[in-house]
Amino acid sequence: MHDLIPLPLLRPGQRASIDQLMGRADDVPRLEELGMRVGPTVEMLQAGSPCIVKLDGTKLCFRACDATSVLVRLGEFA
């Protein structure tokens, strides 16, 4: 079983599935509106702050504090 890690810890090119969203009550719905929901696979395009990820063909940019609220699970992806 793989452990959960914060999204910003992914290296460029690395992919992981979204496993958990954390944060204040108003932060989680905002992340969900952007498509950050439990289940989809994200790919890290640019690590750091801001970090840029690819989700369902869309590039999303996050400040480090926002991206830390997204926990992902590494695994094998097609």
N, C-alpha and C. Protein backbone atom coordinates (compact mmCIF):
# COMPACT_ATOMS: atom_id res chain seq x y z
N MET A 1 0.84 -1.18 0.00
CA MET A 1 0.00 0.00 0.00
C MET A 1 0.89 1.24 0.00
N HIS A 2 0.53 2.23 -0.82
CA HIS A 2 1.30 3.45 -0.93
C HIS A 2 0.78 4.49 0.05
N ASP A 3 1.70 5.31 0.56
CA ASP A 3 1.32 6.36 1.48
C ASP A 3 0.85 7.59 0.72
N LEU A 4 0.08 8.41 1.40
CA LEU A 4 -0.38 9.67 0.83
C LEU A 4 0.72 10.72 0.99
N ILE A 5 0.87 11.57 -0.03
CA ILE A 5 1.83 12.65 0.04
C ILE A 5 1.16 13.93 -0.46
N PRO A 6 1.62 15.09 0.00
CA PRO A 6 1.08 16.35 -0.51
C PRO A 6 1.45 16.51 -1.99
N LEU A 7 0.53 17.05 -2.76
CA LEU A 7 0.73 17.25 -4.19
C LEU A 7 2.06 17.92 -4.54
N PRO A 8 2.51 18.95 -3.81
CA PRO A 8 3.76 19.62 -4.20
C PRO A 8 5.01 18.74 -4.13
N LEU A 9 4.91 17.58 -3.49
CA LEU A 9 6.09 16.70 -3.39
C LEU A 9 6.31 15.85 -4.63
N LEU A 10 5.35 15.88 -5.58
CA LEU A 10 5.57 15.15 -6.83
C LEU A 10 6.67 15.83 -7.63
N ARG A 11 7.43 15.04 -8.35
CA ARG A 11 8.46 15.56 -9.24
C ARG A 11 7.85 15.80 -10.63
N PRO A 12 8.41 16.72 -11.40
CA PRO A 12 7.89 16.93 -12.76
C PRO A 12 7.84 15.61 -13.53
N GLY A 13 6.71 15.38 -14.19
CA GLY A 13 6.49 14.15 -14.95
C GLY A 13 5.87 13.03 -14.14
N GLN A 14 5.87 13.16 -12.83
CA GLN A 14 5.32 12.12 -11.97
C GLN A 14 3.80 12.24 -11.91
N ARG A 15 3.12 11.10 -11.88
CA ARG A 15 1.66 11.06 -11.84
C ARG A 15 1.19 10.38 -10.57
N ALA A 16 0.03 10.82 -10.09
CA ALA A 16 -0.55 10.24 -8.88
C ALA A 16 -2.05 10.48 -8.90
N SER A 17 -2.77 9.67 -8.14
CA SER A 17 -4.23 9.85 -8.06
C SER A 17 -4.56 10.70 -6.83
N ILE A 18 -5.57 11.54 -7.00
CA ILE A 18 -6.02 12.38 -5.89
C ILE A 18 -6.75 11.48 -4.91
N ASP A 19 -6.35 11.55 -3.65
CA ASP A 19 -6.92 10.66 -2.65
C ASP A 19 -7.69 11.41 -1.57
N GLN A 20 -7.28 12.63 -1.27
CA GLN A 20 -7.93 13.35 -0.17
C GLN A 20 -7.74 14.85 -0.36
N LEU A 21 -8.78 15.62 -0.05
CA LEU A 21 -8.71 17.07 -0.04
C LEU A 21 -8.87 17.53 1.40
N MET A 22 -8.01 18.43 1.82
CA MET A 22 -8.05 18.92 3.18
C MET A 22 -8.11 20.44 3.15
N GLY A 23 -8.45 21.02 4.27
CA GLY A 23 -8.44 22.47 4.36
C GLY A 23 -9.69 23.02 5.02
N ARG A 24 -9.78 24.35 4.99
CA ARG A 24 -10.94 25.02 5.57
C ARG A 24 -12.19 24.69 4.77
N ALA A 25 -13.32 24.89 5.38
CA ALA A 25 -14.60 24.55 4.74
C ALA A 25 -14.80 25.25 3.41
N ASP A 26 -14.26 26.46 3.23
CA ASP A 26 -14.43 27.16 1.95
C ASP A 26 -13.35 26.79 0.93
N ASP A 27 -12.25 26.19 1.38
CA ASP A 27 -11.16 25.81 0.46
C ASP A 27 -11.49 24.55 -0.34
N VAL A 28 -12.06 23.55 0.31
CA VAL A 28 -12.31 22.26 -0.35
C VAL A 28 -13.29 22.40 -1.52
N PRO A 29 -14.43 23.10 -1.35
CA PRO A 29 -15.32 23.26 -2.51
C PRO A 29 -14.67 24.02 -3.67
N ARG A 30 -13.79 24.97 -3.36
CA ARG A 30 -13.09 25.70 -4.42
C ARG A 30 -12.18 24.77 -5.20
N LEU A 31 -11.47 23.88 -4.50
CA LEU A 31 -10.63 22.90 -5.17
C LEU A 31 -11.48 21.96 -6.02
N GLU A 32 -12.63 21.54 -5.50
CA GLU A 32 -13.51 20.65 -6.25
C GLU A 32 -14.05 21.32 -7.50
N GLU A 33 -14.34 22.61 -7.43
CA GLU A 33 -14.82 23.35 -8.60
C GLU A 33 -13.77 23.37 -9.71
N LEU A 34 -12.50 23.30 -9.33
CA LEU A 34 -11.41 23.27 -10.30
C LEU A 34 -11.19 21.87 -10.87
N GLY A 35 -11.92 20.88 -10.35
CA GLY A 35 -11.76 19.51 -10.83
C GLY A 35 -10.92 18.63 -9.93
N MET A 36 -10.42 19.20 -8.85
CA MET A 36 -9.61 18.43 -7.92
C MET A 36 -10.55 17.65 -7.01
N ARG A 37 -10.89 16.44 -7.45
CA ARG A 37 -11.78 15.55 -6.70
C ARG A 37 -11.06 14.24 -6.42
N VAL A 38 -11.55 13.49 -5.49
CA VAL A 38 -10.95 12.20 -5.18
C VAL A 38 -11.10 11.28 -6.38
N GLY A 39 -10.00 10.68 -6.81
CA GLY A 39 -10.03 9.69 -7.89
C GLY A 39 -9.20 10.02 -9.11
N PRO A 40 -9.35 11.21 -9.73
CA PRO A 40 -8.62 11.48 -10.96
C PRO A 40 -7.10 11.45 -10.78
N THR A 41 -6.41 11.24 -11.89
CA THR A 41 -4.95 11.26 -11.90
C THR A 41 -4.46 12.64 -12.31
N VAL A 42 -3.46 13.12 -11.58
CA VAL A 42 -2.82 14.39 -11.92
C VAL A 42 -1.37 14.12 -12.29
N GLU A 43 -0.83 14.98 -13.13
CA GLU A 43 0.59 14.90 -13.50
C GLU A 43 1.24 16.22 -13.14
N MET A 44 2.37 16.15 -12.44
CA MET A 44 3.11 17.36 -12.09
C MET A 44 3.87 17.85 -13.31
N LEU A 45 3.61 19.08 -13.71
CA LEU A 45 4.33 19.68 -14.83
C LEU A 45 5.47 20.54 -14.34
N GLN A 46 5.21 21.33 -13.29
CA GLN A 46 6.24 22.20 -12.71
C GLN A 46 6.09 22.18 -11.20
N ALA A 47 7.12 21.73 -10.53
CA ALA A 47 7.10 21.70 -9.06
C ALA A 47 7.48 23.08 -8.52
N GLY A 48 7.21 23.29 -7.26
CA GLY A 48 7.58 24.55 -6.63
C GLY A 48 6.37 25.42 -6.41
N SER A 49 6.62 26.70 -6.24
CA SER A 49 5.53 27.64 -6.02
C SER A 49 5.63 28.77 -7.03
N PRO A 50 4.71 28.84 -7.95
CA PRO A 50 3.51 28.00 -8.04
C PRO A 50 3.84 26.65 -8.67
N CYS A 51 3.02 25.67 -8.34
CA CYS A 51 3.17 24.38 -9.02
C CYS A 51 2.09 24.30 -10.10
N ILE A 52 2.43 23.65 -11.19
CA ILE A 52 1.51 23.50 -12.31
C ILE A 52 1.29 22.02 -12.53
N VAL A 53 0.01 21.62 -12.55
CA VAL A 53 -0.34 20.22 -12.75
C VAL A 53 -1.27 20.11 -13.95
N LYS A 54 -1.31 18.90 -14.51
CA LYS A 54 -2.23 18.59 -15.60
C LYS A 54 -3.30 17.66 -15.06
N LEU A 55 -4.56 18.02 -15.26
CA LEU A 55 -5.68 17.25 -14.78
C LEU A 55 -6.72 17.20 -15.89
N ASP A 56 -7.01 16.01 -16.39
CA ASP A 56 -8.00 15.84 -17.47
C ASP A 56 -7.73 16.77 -18.65
N GLY A 57 -6.48 16.89 -19.04
CA GLY A 57 -6.12 17.70 -20.20
C GLY A 57 -6.04 19.19 -19.94
N THR A 58 -6.29 19.62 -18.71
CA THR A 58 -6.25 21.03 -18.34
C THR A 58 -5.07 21.29 -17.42
N LYS A 59 -4.39 22.41 -17.64
CA LYS A 59 -3.30 22.81 -16.75
C LYS A 59 -3.88 23.69 -15.66
N LEU A 60 -3.51 23.37 -14.42
CA LEU A 60 -3.92 24.15 -13.26
C LEU A 60 -2.69 24.63 -12.52
N CYS A 61 -2.74 25.85 -12.01
CA CYS A 61 -1.63 26.44 -11.29
C CYS A 61 -2.07 26.69 -9.85
N PHE A 62 -1.24 26.27 -8.89
CA PHE A 62 -1.56 26.42 -7.47
C PHE A 62 -0.42 27.07 -6.72
N ARG A 63 -0.80 27.89 -5.75
CA ARG A 63 0.19 28.37 -4.77
C ARG A 63 0.51 27.18 -3.88
N ALA A 64 1.67 27.21 -3.27
CA ALA A 64 2.10 26.08 -2.43
C ALA A 64 1.09 25.77 -1.34
N CYS A 65 0.50 26.77 -0.72
CA CYS A 65 -0.43 26.51 0.38
C CYS A 65 -1.69 25.81 -0.11
N ASP A 66 -2.15 26.11 -1.33
CA ASP A 66 -3.33 25.44 -1.88
C ASP A 66 -3.02 24.00 -2.26
N ALA A 67 -1.89 23.81 -2.91
CA ALA A 67 -1.52 22.47 -3.37
C ALA A 67 -1.26 21.52 -2.22
N THR A 68 -0.82 22.03 -1.09
CA THR A 68 -0.56 21.19 0.08
C THR A 68 -1.85 20.59 0.61
N SER A 69 -2.99 21.20 0.31
CA SER A 69 -4.28 20.69 0.75
C SER A 69 -4.73 19.46 -0.03
N VAL A 70 -4.03 19.12 -1.09
CA VAL A 70 -4.37 17.97 -1.94
C VAL A 70 -3.39 16.84 -1.64
N LEU A 71 -3.90 15.73 -1.14
CA LEU A 71 -3.05 14.57 -0.88
C LEU A 71 -3.25 13.56 -2.01
N VAL A 72 -2.13 13.03 -2.49
CA VAL A 72 -2.17 12.11 -3.63
C VAL A 72 -1.52 10.79 -3.27
N ARG A 73 -1.83 9.78 -4.09
CA ARG A 73 -1.29 8.44 -3.89
C ARG A 73 -0.55 8.04 -5.17
N LEU A 74 0.72 7.73 -5.02
CA LEU A 74 1.52 7.26 -6.15
C LEU A 74 1.08 5.85 -6.53
N GLY A 75 1.25 5.50 -7.77
CA GLY A 75 0.89 4.17 -8.21
C GLY A 75 1.24 3.98 -9.67
N GLU A 76 0.77 2.90 -10.23
CA GLU A 76 0.98 2.59 -11.65
C GLU A 76 -0.19 3.14 -12.44
N PHE A 77 0.12 3.95 -13.46
CA PHE A 77 -0.92 4.56 -14.29
C PHE A 77 -0.61 4.30 -15.74
N ALA A 78 -1.64 4.07 -16.51
CA ALA A 78 -1.49 3.82 -17.94
C ALA A 78 -1.23 5.09 -18.69
